[in-house]
Amino acid sequence: MKHLLRLLLLLFLPLYAFAAPMTNEDVIKMVKGGLGEATVIQAIDGAEPGFDTSADGLVKLKQGGASDAVIQRIMGRKSGAPAAKPATAKAPACADCGTVTGIREIEKPRKYGAGTAAGAAIGGVLGYAVGGRSHRTAGTVVGAAGGAVAGNVLENKAADNKTFEIGVRFDDGSSRSFHQDSHPSWKQGSRVRLVNGALTSL
């Protein structure tokens, strides 16, 4: 007989829900009637809410045997609020995306190499030719010195003496530094993305 009563309650519960708003007393009746928590919650979600969520109303629900899960669902349906939808999975974070944490200008060390030697050799030859017989040695020395200086200047101008270090903190929590010779178009706080080993704007 008890099982039959439960079956009848389950059959007529949807019709009852449409007949009138569900109240705290209805929930207490279902709980005392032996309906399981999942069934009661399903009925609450499908009914027009008419619940009393005041302090007294909630205490009466608890005294009537309603579980915390049932009471919380009733509070969620207050004022006709729709049943809570299951949380959707968040899109995975972009592992290659990050934020510029700072940009630092670095001075490259000056080069004294092939340009200096080549300039000295050319300057020495020109000084020897211009110096004449009596002054060829002095002309060679002066020409070599001047050529070395000129060669070094040209060598340093041929390669820019500055580089830029860009610090990036990626969305996955990692941090990296990148170097480039040209002045970056970003600033601290700019959003960037790493593509094929190079930074691009987001």
N, C-alpha and C. Protein backbone atom coordinates (compact mmCIF):
# COMPACT_ATOMS: atom_id res chain seq x y z
N MET A 1 0.83 -1.21 0.00
CA MET A 1 0.00 0.00 0.00
C MET A 1 0.87 1.27 0.00
N LYS A 2 1.94 1.20 0.76
CA LYS A 2 2.83 2.35 0.85
C LYS A 2 3.48 2.64 -0.50
N HIS A 3 3.89 1.55 -1.19
CA HIS A 3 4.50 1.72 -2.51
C HIS A 3 3.49 2.27 -3.52
N LEU A 4 2.25 1.87 -3.40
CA LEU A 4 1.21 2.36 -4.30
C LEU A 4 0.98 3.85 -4.10
N LEU A 5 1.03 4.27 -2.84
CA LEU A 5 0.85 5.69 -2.53
C LEU A 5 1.97 6.52 -3.15
N ARG A 6 3.19 6.02 -3.06
CA ARG A 6 4.32 6.74 -3.67
C ARG A 6 4.15 6.83 -5.17
N LEU A 7 3.68 5.75 -5.78
CA LEU A 7 3.50 5.75 -7.23
C LEU A 7 2.44 6.75 -7.64
N LEU A 8 1.36 6.83 -6.88
CA LEU A 8 0.30 7.79 -7.19
C LEU A 8 0.80 9.23 -7.04
N LEU A 9 1.64 9.46 -6.03
CA LEU A 9 2.19 10.79 -5.83
C LEU A 9 3.06 11.20 -7.01
N LEU A 10 3.86 10.26 -7.49
CA LEU A 10 4.73 10.54 -8.63
C LEU A 10 3.93 10.81 -9.88
N LEU A 11 2.81 10.10 -10.06
CA LEU A 11 2.00 10.26 -11.26
C LEU A 11 1.27 11.60 -11.27
N PHE A 12 0.75 11.99 -10.10
CA PHE A 12 -0.06 13.20 -10.04
C PHE A 12 0.73 14.44 -9.67
N LEU A 13 1.99 14.28 -9.33
CA LEU A 13 2.80 15.42 -8.93
C LEU A 13 2.93 16.47 -10.03
N PRO A 14 3.20 16.11 -11.30
CA PRO A 14 3.28 17.14 -12.34
C PRO A 14 1.99 17.92 -12.50
N LEU A 15 0.83 17.21 -12.43
CA LEU A 15 -0.45 17.91 -12.58
C LEU A 15 -0.68 18.85 -11.41
N TYR A 16 -0.29 18.42 -10.23
CA TYR A 16 -0.44 19.26 -9.05
C TYR A 16 0.44 20.49 -9.13
N ALA A 17 1.60 20.31 -9.69
CA ALA A 17 2.53 21.43 -9.80
C ALA A 17 1.97 22.52 -10.69
N PHE A 18 1.26 22.12 -11.76
CA PHE A 18 0.68 23.11 -12.66
C PHE A 18 -0.58 23.73 -12.09
N ALA A 19 -1.23 23.03 -11.14
CA ALA A 19 -2.50 23.52 -10.60
C ALA A 19 -2.29 24.75 -9.73
N ALA A 20 -1.24 24.78 -8.93
CA ALA A 20 -1.03 25.89 -8.02
C ALA A 20 0.45 26.00 -7.71
N PRO A 21 0.92 27.19 -7.30
CA PRO A 21 2.33 27.33 -6.93
C PRO A 21 2.67 26.38 -5.78
N MET A 22 3.87 25.85 -5.81
CA MET A 22 4.32 24.95 -4.75
C MET A 22 4.75 25.75 -3.53
N THR A 23 4.35 25.28 -2.36
CA THR A 23 4.67 25.98 -1.12
C THR A 23 5.57 25.12 -0.24
N ASN A 24 5.99 25.70 0.88
CA ASN A 24 6.80 24.96 1.84
C ASN A 24 6.06 23.74 2.37
N GLU A 25 4.75 23.90 2.59
CA GLU A 25 3.96 22.79 3.11
C GLU A 25 3.93 21.63 2.12
N ASP A 26 3.91 21.94 0.81
CA ASP A 26 3.91 20.88 -0.19
C ASP A 26 5.22 20.09 -0.12
N VAL A 27 6.31 20.81 0.05
CA VAL A 27 7.61 20.14 0.14
C VAL A 27 7.67 19.25 1.37
N ILE A 28 7.18 19.76 2.49
CA ILE A 28 7.19 18.97 3.73
C ILE A 28 6.34 17.71 3.56
N LYS A 29 5.21 17.84 2.87
CA LYS A 29 4.36 16.67 2.64
C LYS A 29 5.09 15.61 1.82
N MET A 30 5.81 16.06 0.79
CA MET A 30 6.53 15.10 -0.04
C MET A 30 7.64 14.41 0.74
N VAL A 31 8.34 15.20 1.57
CA VAL A 31 9.43 14.62 2.37
C VAL A 31 8.87 13.60 3.36
N LYS A 32 7.80 13.96 4.06
CA LYS A 32 7.20 13.06 5.05
C LYS A 32 6.53 11.87 4.38
N GLY A 33 6.16 12.07 3.11
CA GLY A 33 5.55 10.96 2.38
C GLY A 33 6.55 9.93 1.91
N GLY A 34 7.84 10.18 2.12
CA GLY A 34 8.87 9.20 1.80
C GLY A 34 9.53 9.38 0.46
N LEU A 35 9.24 10.50 -0.22
CA LEU A 35 9.88 10.74 -1.52
C LEU A 35 11.36 11.07 -1.31
N GLY A 36 12.18 10.57 -2.22
CA GLY A 36 13.61 10.82 -2.10
C GLY A 36 13.98 12.26 -2.40
N GLU A 37 15.18 12.64 -1.98
CA GLU A 37 15.65 14.01 -2.17
C GLU A 37 15.68 14.41 -3.64
N ALA A 38 16.18 13.54 -4.51
CA ALA A 38 16.27 13.85 -5.94
C ALA A 38 14.89 14.09 -6.53
N THR A 39 13.89 13.31 -6.10
CA THR A 39 12.52 13.47 -6.60
C THR A 39 11.93 14.79 -6.15
N VAL A 40 12.16 15.14 -4.88
CA VAL A 40 11.64 16.40 -4.36
C VAL A 40 12.26 17.58 -5.10
N ILE A 41 13.56 17.52 -5.31
CA ILE A 41 14.24 18.61 -6.02
C ILE A 41 13.72 18.73 -7.44
N GLN A 42 13.48 17.61 -8.10
CA GLN A 42 12.95 17.64 -9.46
C GLN A 42 11.57 18.29 -9.48
N ALA A 43 10.75 17.98 -8.47
CA ALA A 43 9.42 18.59 -8.38
C ALA A 43 9.53 20.09 -8.16
N ILE A 44 10.48 20.51 -7.31
CA ILE A 44 10.67 21.94 -7.05
C ILE A 44 11.06 22.68 -8.33
N ASP A 45 11.96 22.07 -9.11
CA ASP A 45 12.41 22.71 -10.35
C ASP A 45 11.28 22.85 -11.37
N GLY A 46 10.34 21.90 -11.36
CA GLY A 46 9.28 21.92 -12.37
C GLY A 46 8.04 22.67 -11.95
N ALA A 47 7.98 23.12 -10.71
CA ALA A 47 6.77 23.77 -10.19
C ALA A 47 6.89 25.28 -10.24
N GLU A 48 5.72 25.92 -10.19
CA GLU A 48 5.66 27.37 -10.04
C GLU A 48 5.99 27.69 -8.58
N PRO A 49 7.02 28.50 -8.32
CA PRO A 49 7.43 28.69 -6.93
C PRO A 49 6.49 29.60 -6.15
N GLY A 50 6.15 29.13 -4.97
CA GLY A 50 5.37 29.94 -4.05
C GLY A 50 5.90 29.75 -2.65
N PHE A 51 7.20 29.67 -2.54
CA PHE A 51 7.85 29.30 -1.29
C PHE A 51 8.02 30.48 -0.36
N ASP A 52 8.08 30.15 0.92
CA ASP A 52 8.38 31.13 1.97
C ASP A 52 9.84 30.93 2.37
N THR A 53 10.70 31.88 1.98
CA THR A 53 12.13 31.75 2.28
C THR A 53 12.55 32.66 3.42
N SER A 54 11.59 33.08 4.22
CA SER A 54 11.95 33.84 5.42
C SER A 54 12.61 32.91 6.42
N ALA A 55 13.13 33.49 7.50
CA ALA A 55 13.79 32.68 8.53
C ALA A 55 12.84 31.64 9.10
N ASP A 56 11.60 32.05 9.38
CA ASP A 56 10.62 31.11 9.93
C ASP A 56 10.28 30.02 8.93
N GLY A 57 10.16 30.41 7.67
CA GLY A 57 9.83 29.42 6.64
C GLY A 57 10.92 28.38 6.48
N LEU A 58 12.17 28.82 6.51
CA LEU A 58 13.28 27.89 6.36
C LEU A 58 13.40 26.96 7.56
N VAL A 59 13.13 27.51 8.77
CA VAL A 59 13.18 26.68 9.98
C VAL A 59 12.10 25.61 9.93
N LYS A 60 10.91 25.96 9.45
CA LYS A 60 9.83 24.99 9.35
C LYS A 60 10.16 23.89 8.35
N LEU A 61 10.84 24.27 7.26
CA LEU A 61 11.25 23.26 6.30
C LEU A 61 12.22 22.27 6.93
N LYS A 62 13.15 22.80 7.71
CA LYS A 62 14.14 21.94 8.37
C LYS A 62 13.47 21.03 9.39
N GLN A 63 12.56 21.61 10.14
CA GLN A 63 11.84 20.81 11.14
C GLN A 63 10.95 19.77 10.49
N GLY A 64 10.53 20.07 9.26
CA GLY A 64 9.68 19.12 8.53
C GLY A 64 10.45 18.01 7.86
N GLY A 65 11.80 18.03 7.98
CA GLY A 65 12.61 16.93 7.44
C GLY A 65 13.28 17.23 6.12
N ALA A 66 13.13 18.46 5.60
CA ALA A 66 13.77 18.81 4.33
C ALA A 66 15.29 18.89 4.52
N SER A 67 16.00 18.34 3.56
CA SER A 67 17.46 18.37 3.63
C SER A 67 17.98 19.74 3.23
N ASP A 68 19.27 19.98 3.51
CA ASP A 68 19.87 21.26 3.13
C ASP A 68 19.84 21.46 1.62
N ALA A 69 20.02 20.37 0.85
CA ALA A 69 20.00 20.48 -0.60
C ALA A 69 18.62 20.91 -1.09
N VAL A 70 17.57 20.38 -0.48
CA VAL A 70 16.20 20.76 -0.85
C VAL A 70 15.95 22.21 -0.50
N ILE A 71 16.38 22.63 0.69
CA ILE A 71 16.16 24.01 1.12
C ILE A 71 16.92 24.98 0.22
N GLN A 72 18.15 24.63 -0.14
CA GLN A 72 18.93 25.49 -1.03
C GLN A 72 18.28 25.61 -2.40
N ARG A 73 17.70 24.52 -2.88
CA ARG A 73 17.03 24.59 -4.18
C ARG A 73 15.79 25.47 -4.10
N ILE A 74 15.09 25.40 -2.97
CA ILE A 74 13.92 26.27 -2.78
C ILE A 74 14.36 27.73 -2.78
N MET A 75 15.45 28.05 -2.12
CA MET A 75 15.94 29.43 -2.09
C MET A 75 16.34 29.89 -3.48
N GLY A 76 16.86 28.96 -4.30
CA GLY A 76 17.22 29.32 -5.67
C GLY A 76 16.02 29.60 -6.56
N ARG A 77 14.87 29.05 -6.19
CA ARG A 77 13.66 29.28 -6.99
C ARG A 77 12.83 30.45 -6.49
N LYS A 78 13.36 31.19 -5.51
CA LYS A 78 12.62 32.32 -4.94
C LYS A 78 12.29 33.34 -6.01
N SER A 79 11.11 33.91 -5.91
CA SER A 79 10.64 34.96 -6.82
C SER A 79 10.61 34.48 -8.27
N GLY A 80 10.34 33.21 -8.45
CA GLY A 80 10.21 32.70 -9.81
C GLY A 80 11.50 32.55 -10.55
N ALA A 81 12.64 32.54 -9.84
CA ALA A 81 13.93 32.38 -10.51
C ALA A 81 14.00 31.01 -11.15
N PRO A 82 14.53 30.89 -12.37
CA PRO A 82 14.62 29.60 -13.03
C PRO A 82 15.59 28.68 -12.31
N ALA A 83 15.40 27.40 -12.51
CA ALA A 83 16.29 26.42 -11.91
C ALA A 83 17.71 26.65 -12.39
N ALA A 84 18.65 26.46 -11.48
CA ALA A 84 20.05 26.69 -11.82
C ALA A 84 20.50 25.73 -12.90
N LYS A 85 21.19 26.27 -13.90
CA LYS A 85 21.71 25.46 -14.98
C LYS A 85 23.08 24.94 -14.61
N PRO A 86 23.40 23.76 -15.07
CA PRO A 86 24.74 23.23 -14.76
C PRO A 86 25.81 24.11 -15.36
N ALA A 87 26.89 24.28 -14.63
CA ALA A 87 27.98 25.14 -15.09
C ALA A 87 28.63 24.54 -16.33
N THR A 88 28.85 25.39 -17.31
CA THR A 88 29.50 24.94 -18.53
C THR A 88 31.01 25.02 -18.36
N ALA A 89 31.69 24.13 -19.00
CA ALA A 89 33.14 24.08 -18.89
C ALA A 89 33.76 25.31 -19.53
N LYS A 90 34.72 25.90 -18.86
CA LYS A 90 35.40 27.08 -19.39
C LYS A 90 36.37 26.69 -20.49
N ALA A 91 36.50 27.61 -21.45
CA ALA A 91 37.45 27.35 -22.53
C ALA A 91 38.87 27.33 -21.97
N PRO A 92 39.69 26.43 -22.47
CA PRO A 92 41.06 26.36 -21.96
C PRO A 92 41.82 27.66 -22.20
N ALA A 93 42.70 27.99 -21.28
CA ALA A 93 43.47 29.22 -21.41
C ALA A 93 44.43 29.13 -22.59
N CYS A 94 44.73 30.28 -23.17
CA CYS A 94 45.66 30.34 -24.30
C CYS A 94 47.09 30.27 -23.75
N ALA A 95 47.73 29.13 -23.97
CA ALA A 95 49.07 28.92 -23.40
C ALA A 95 50.11 29.83 -24.04
N ASP A 96 49.85 30.28 -25.27
CA ASP A 96 50.81 31.13 -25.99
C ASP A 96 50.51 32.62 -25.84
N CYS A 97 49.50 32.96 -25.06
CA CYS A 97 49.13 34.36 -24.87
C CYS A 97 49.70 34.87 -23.54
N GLY A 98 50.05 36.15 -23.52
CA GLY A 98 50.62 36.71 -22.30
C GLY A 98 50.55 38.22 -22.27
N THR A 99 51.13 38.79 -21.21
CA THR A 99 51.12 40.24 -21.01
C THR A 99 52.55 40.73 -20.86
N VAL A 100 52.85 41.83 -21.53
CA VAL A 100 54.19 42.42 -21.44
C VAL A 100 54.38 42.98 -20.05
N THR A 101 55.42 42.53 -19.36
CA THR A 101 55.70 43.00 -18.00
C THR A 101 56.70 44.14 -17.97
N GLY A 102 57.44 44.33 -19.05
CA GLY A 102 58.41 45.41 -19.08
C GLY A 102 59.27 45.34 -20.32
N ILE A 103 59.83 46.48 -20.71
CA ILE A 103 60.72 46.56 -21.88
C ILE A 103 61.98 47.29 -21.44
N ARG A 104 63.13 46.69 -21.71
CA ARG A 104 64.41 47.27 -21.27
C ARG A 104 65.33 47.45 -22.48
N GLU A 105 65.90 48.65 -22.57
CA GLU A 105 66.84 48.96 -23.65
C GLU A 105 68.25 48.57 -23.20
N ILE A 106 68.94 47.80 -24.03
CA ILE A 106 70.28 47.30 -23.68
C ILE A 106 71.29 47.81 -24.70
N GLU A 107 72.41 48.33 -24.21
CA GLU A 107 73.49 48.81 -25.07
C GLU A 107 74.39 47.64 -25.43
N LYS A 108 74.57 47.42 -26.71
CA LYS A 108 75.47 46.34 -27.15
C LYS A 108 76.92 46.77 -26.95
N PRO A 109 77.83 45.85 -26.66
CA PRO A 109 79.26 46.19 -26.60
C PRO A 109 79.78 46.58 -27.97
N ARG A 110 80.62 47.60 -28.01
CA ARG A 110 81.16 48.07 -29.29
C ARG A 110 82.12 47.03 -29.86
N LYS A 111 82.13 46.95 -31.17
CA LYS A 111 82.96 45.96 -31.85
C LYS A 111 84.25 46.61 -32.37
N TYR A 112 85.36 45.96 -32.14
CA TYR A 112 86.64 46.40 -32.67
C TYR A 112 87.23 45.21 -33.42
N GLY A 113 86.87 45.06 -34.63
CA GLY A 113 87.27 43.86 -35.35
C GLY A 113 87.69 44.14 -36.77
N ALA A 114 86.96 43.50 -37.68
CA ALA A 114 87.34 43.56 -39.09
C ALA A 114 87.34 44.97 -39.63
N GLY A 115 86.37 45.80 -39.18
CA GLY A 115 86.30 47.17 -39.70
C GLY A 115 87.52 47.97 -39.30
N THR A 116 88.00 47.82 -38.06
CA THR A 116 89.19 48.53 -37.59
C THR A 116 90.42 48.12 -38.37
N ALA A 117 90.61 46.81 -38.54
CA ALA A 117 91.78 46.30 -39.26
C ALA A 117 91.77 46.74 -40.71
N ALA A 118 90.60 46.64 -41.34
CA ALA A 118 90.52 47.01 -42.75
C ALA A 118 90.76 48.51 -42.92
N GLY A 119 90.19 49.31 -42.01
CA GLY A 119 90.39 50.75 -42.10
C GLY A 119 91.84 51.12 -41.90
N ALA A 120 92.53 50.44 -40.96
CA ALA A 120 93.94 50.72 -40.73
C ALA A 120 94.78 50.39 -41.95
N ALA A 121 94.51 49.28 -42.60
CA ALA A 121 95.28 48.87 -43.78
C ALA A 121 95.10 49.85 -44.92
N ILE A 122 93.83 50.24 -45.16
CA ILE A 122 93.57 51.19 -46.26
C ILE A 122 94.18 52.54 -45.94
N GLY A 123 94.03 52.99 -44.69
CA GLY A 123 94.59 54.28 -44.30
C GLY A 123 96.10 54.29 -44.39
N GLY A 124 96.75 53.17 -44.05
CA GLY A 124 98.20 53.09 -44.14
C GLY A 124 98.69 53.19 -45.56
N VAL A 125 98.02 52.54 -46.48
CA VAL A 125 98.40 52.59 -47.90
C VAL A 125 98.25 54.01 -48.42
N LEU A 126 97.15 54.65 -48.07
CA LEU A 126 96.95 56.02 -48.56
C LEU A 126 97.98 56.97 -47.95
N GLY A 127 98.31 56.79 -46.67
CA GLY A 127 99.30 57.65 -46.02
C GLY A 127 100.68 57.47 -46.63
N TYR A 128 101.03 56.24 -47.00
CA TYR A 128 102.33 55.97 -47.62
C TYR A 128 102.42 56.65 -48.98
N ALA A 129 101.32 56.62 -49.71
CA ALA A 129 101.33 57.22 -51.05
C ALA A 129 101.39 58.73 -50.98
N VAL A 130 100.72 59.30 -50.00
CA VAL A 130 100.66 60.76 -49.93
C VAL A 130 101.89 61.33 -49.24
N GLY A 131 102.54 60.59 -48.37
CA GLY A 131 103.63 61.11 -47.54
C GLY A 131 104.89 61.48 -48.31
N GLY A 132 105.10 60.94 -49.46
CA GLY A 132 106.35 61.24 -50.18
C GLY A 132 107.50 60.42 -49.63
N ARG A 133 108.68 60.60 -50.27
CA ARG A 133 109.83 59.78 -49.86
C ARG A 133 110.25 60.04 -48.43
N SER A 134 110.37 61.31 -48.09
CA SER A 134 110.92 61.65 -46.78
C SER A 134 109.91 61.47 -45.65
N HIS A 135 108.64 61.43 -45.97
CA HIS A 135 107.61 61.36 -44.92
C HIS A 135 106.71 60.15 -45.05
N ARG A 136 107.17 59.12 -45.78
CA ARG A 136 106.30 57.97 -45.99
C ARG A 136 106.00 57.22 -44.69
N THR A 137 107.01 57.09 -43.83
CA THR A 137 106.78 56.36 -42.57
C THR A 137 105.75 57.06 -41.70
N ALA A 138 105.92 58.35 -41.52
CA ALA A 138 104.98 59.12 -40.71
C ALA A 138 103.59 59.11 -41.34
N GLY A 139 103.56 59.25 -42.67
CA GLY A 139 102.26 59.24 -43.36
C GLY A 139 101.56 57.91 -43.21
N THR A 140 102.35 56.84 -43.26
CA THR A 140 101.75 55.51 -43.11
C THR A 140 101.13 55.35 -41.73
N VAL A 141 101.86 55.79 -40.66
CA VAL A 141 101.36 55.66 -39.30
C VAL A 141 100.09 56.48 -39.09
N VAL A 142 100.14 57.73 -39.53
CA VAL A 142 98.97 58.61 -39.39
C VAL A 142 97.79 58.07 -40.17
N GLY A 143 98.07 57.62 -41.39
CA GLY A 143 96.98 57.08 -42.21
C GLY A 143 96.37 55.84 -41.61
N ALA A 144 97.22 54.98 -41.05
CA ALA A 144 96.71 53.76 -40.43
C ALA A 144 95.83 54.08 -39.23
N ALA A 145 96.26 55.04 -38.41
CA ALA A 145 95.48 55.41 -37.23
C ALA A 145 94.13 55.99 -37.64
N GLY A 146 94.17 56.92 -38.62
CA GLY A 146 92.92 57.52 -39.07
C GLY A 146 92.01 56.50 -39.71
N GLY A 147 92.59 55.60 -40.47
CA GLY A 147 91.77 54.57 -41.11
C GLY A 147 91.14 53.64 -40.11
N ALA A 148 91.88 53.33 -39.03
CA ALA A 148 91.34 52.45 -38.00
C ALA A 148 90.14 53.08 -37.33
N VAL A 149 90.25 54.38 -37.00
CA VAL A 149 89.14 55.08 -36.36
C VAL A 149 87.93 55.11 -37.28
N ALA A 150 88.17 55.46 -38.54
CA ALA A 150 87.07 55.52 -39.50
C ALA A 150 86.43 54.15 -39.69
N GLY A 151 87.29 53.12 -39.77
CA GLY A 151 86.75 51.77 -39.93
C GLY A 151 85.90 51.35 -38.76
N ASN A 152 86.33 51.72 -37.56
CA ASN A 152 85.56 51.36 -36.37
C ASN A 152 84.22 52.08 -36.33
N VAL A 153 84.21 53.35 -36.70
CA VAL A 153 82.96 54.12 -36.74
C VAL A 153 81.98 53.50 -37.71
N LEU A 154 82.48 53.16 -38.90
CA LEU A 154 81.62 52.56 -39.90
C LEU A 154 81.09 51.21 -39.44
N GLU A 155 81.96 50.47 -38.77
CA GLU A 155 81.56 49.15 -38.30
C GLU A 155 80.45 49.24 -37.27
N ASN A 156 80.57 50.20 -36.33
CA ASN A 156 79.55 50.36 -35.31
C ASN A 156 78.26 50.90 -35.88
N LYS A 157 78.34 51.74 -36.93
CA LYS A 157 77.14 52.26 -37.55
C LYS A 157 76.44 51.19 -38.38
N ALA A 158 77.23 50.26 -38.90
CA ALA A 158 76.63 49.21 -39.73
C ALA A 158 75.72 48.33 -38.89
N ALA A 159 76.05 48.14 -37.65
CA ALA A 159 75.21 47.33 -36.76
C ALA A 159 74.72 48.21 -35.63
N ASP A 160 73.40 48.27 -35.42
CA ASP A 160 72.81 49.09 -34.37
C ASP A 160 73.36 48.65 -33.02
N ASN A 161 73.70 49.58 -32.16
CA ASN A 161 74.32 49.24 -30.89
C ASN A 161 73.30 49.01 -29.78
N LYS A 162 72.01 48.97 -30.12
CA LYS A 162 70.99 48.80 -29.09
C LYS A 162 70.13 47.57 -29.40
N THR A 163 69.72 46.90 -28.34
CA THR A 163 68.76 45.82 -28.44
C THR A 163 67.73 46.01 -27.35
N PHE A 164 66.60 45.38 -27.50
CA PHE A 164 65.50 45.59 -26.56
C PHE A 164 65.07 44.24 -25.98
N GLU A 165 65.04 44.19 -24.64
CA GLU A 165 64.61 42.99 -23.94
C GLU A 165 63.15 43.17 -23.52
N ILE A 166 62.31 42.21 -23.93
CA ILE A 166 60.87 42.28 -23.65
C ILE A 166 60.51 41.15 -22.70
N GLY A 167 60.03 41.50 -21.52
CA GLY A 167 59.59 40.49 -20.56
C GLY A 167 58.12 40.21 -20.73
N VAL A 168 57.75 38.92 -20.76
CA VAL A 168 56.36 38.52 -20.98
C VAL A 168 55.97 37.48 -19.92
N ARG A 169 54.83 37.71 -19.28
CA ARG A 169 54.27 36.71 -18.38
C ARG A 169 53.07 36.08 -19.09
N PHE A 170 53.17 34.76 -19.34
CA PHE A 170 52.13 34.07 -20.08
C PHE A 170 50.97 33.69 -19.17
N ASP A 171 49.83 33.42 -19.81
CA ASP A 171 48.60 33.13 -19.05
C ASP A 171 48.70 31.84 -18.24
N ASP A 172 49.62 30.95 -18.61
CA ASP A 172 49.78 29.72 -17.84
C ASP A 172 50.68 29.90 -16.62
N GLY A 173 51.13 31.16 -16.38
CA GLY A 173 51.94 31.46 -15.21
C GLY A 173 53.43 31.52 -15.46
N SER A 174 53.89 31.06 -16.63
CA SER A 174 55.32 31.08 -16.93
C SER A 174 55.74 32.46 -17.42
N SER A 175 57.05 32.75 -17.33
CA SER A 175 57.60 34.04 -17.76
C SER A 175 58.80 33.78 -18.66
N ARG A 176 58.94 34.63 -19.67
CA ARG A 176 60.08 34.53 -20.58
C ARG A 176 60.52 35.91 -21.01
N SER A 177 61.77 36.00 -21.50
CA SER A 177 62.30 37.25 -22.04
C SER A 177 62.63 37.05 -23.50
N PHE A 178 62.37 38.08 -24.31
CA PHE A 178 62.63 38.04 -25.74
C PHE A 178 63.47 39.27 -26.11
N HIS A 179 64.32 39.10 -27.12
CA HIS A 179 65.19 40.19 -27.56
C HIS A 179 64.92 40.50 -29.03
N GLN A 180 64.92 41.78 -29.35
CA GLN A 180 64.82 42.19 -30.74
C GLN A 180 65.59 43.50 -30.93
N ASP A 181 66.10 43.70 -32.15
CA ASP A 181 66.94 44.86 -32.42
C ASP A 181 66.13 46.14 -32.61
N SER A 182 64.92 46.02 -33.16
CA SER A 182 64.10 47.21 -33.38
C SER A 182 63.27 47.53 -32.14
N HIS A 183 62.91 48.79 -32.01
CA HIS A 183 62.12 49.22 -30.86
C HIS A 183 60.72 48.60 -30.95
N PRO A 184 60.28 47.89 -29.90
CA PRO A 184 58.97 47.23 -29.96
C PRO A 184 57.83 48.24 -29.94
N SER A 185 56.73 47.84 -30.54
CA SER A 185 55.55 48.72 -30.58
C SER A 185 54.68 48.56 -29.33
N TRP A 186 55.03 47.61 -28.45
CA TRP A 186 54.22 47.38 -27.26
C TRP A 186 54.74 48.19 -26.08
N LYS A 187 53.97 48.17 -25.03
CA LYS A 187 54.37 48.79 -23.77
C LYS A 187 53.95 47.86 -22.63
N GLN A 188 54.31 48.21 -21.42
CA GLN A 188 53.95 47.39 -20.28
C GLN A 188 52.44 47.26 -20.20
N GLY A 189 51.96 46.02 -20.10
CA GLY A 189 50.53 45.76 -20.05
C GLY A 189 49.94 45.34 -21.37
N SER A 190 50.70 45.46 -22.47
CA SER A 190 50.19 45.05 -23.78
C SER A 190 50.01 43.54 -23.83
N ARG A 191 48.98 43.11 -24.55
CA ARG A 191 48.71 41.69 -24.71
C ARG A 191 49.39 41.19 -25.98
N VAL A 192 50.13 40.10 -25.87
CA VAL A 192 50.87 39.55 -27.00
C VAL A 192 50.65 38.05 -27.08
N ARG A 193 51.08 37.51 -28.23
CA ARG A 193 50.98 36.07 -28.43
C ARG A 193 52.26 35.57 -29.11
N LEU A 194 52.73 34.41 -28.69
CA LEU A 194 53.93 33.82 -29.25
C LEU A 194 53.54 32.93 -30.43
N VAL A 195 54.04 33.30 -31.63
CA VAL A 195 53.74 32.55 -32.85
C VAL A 195 55.06 32.22 -33.55
N ASN A 196 55.36 30.95 -33.66
CA ASN A 196 56.58 30.49 -34.32
C ASN A 196 57.84 31.15 -33.74
N GLY A 197 57.85 31.31 -32.42
CA GLY A 197 59.00 31.86 -31.73
C GLY A 197 59.09 33.37 -31.72
N ALA A 198 58.10 34.07 -32.33
CA ALA A 198 58.12 35.54 -32.37
C ALA A 198 56.85 36.09 -31.73
N LEU A 199 56.98 37.27 -31.10
CA LEU A 199 55.84 37.89 -30.45
C LEU A 199 54.99 38.67 -31.45
N THR A 200 53.67 38.55 -31.34
CA THR A 200 52.75 39.31 -32.17
C THR A 200 51.68 39.91 -31.26
N SER A 201 51.05 40.96 -31.73
CA SER A 201 50.00 41.60 -30.93
C SER A 201 48.72 40.77 -30.97
N LEU A 202 48.00 40.80 -29.85
CA LEU A 202 46.70 40.12 -29.79
C LEU A 202 45.61 41.04 -30.32
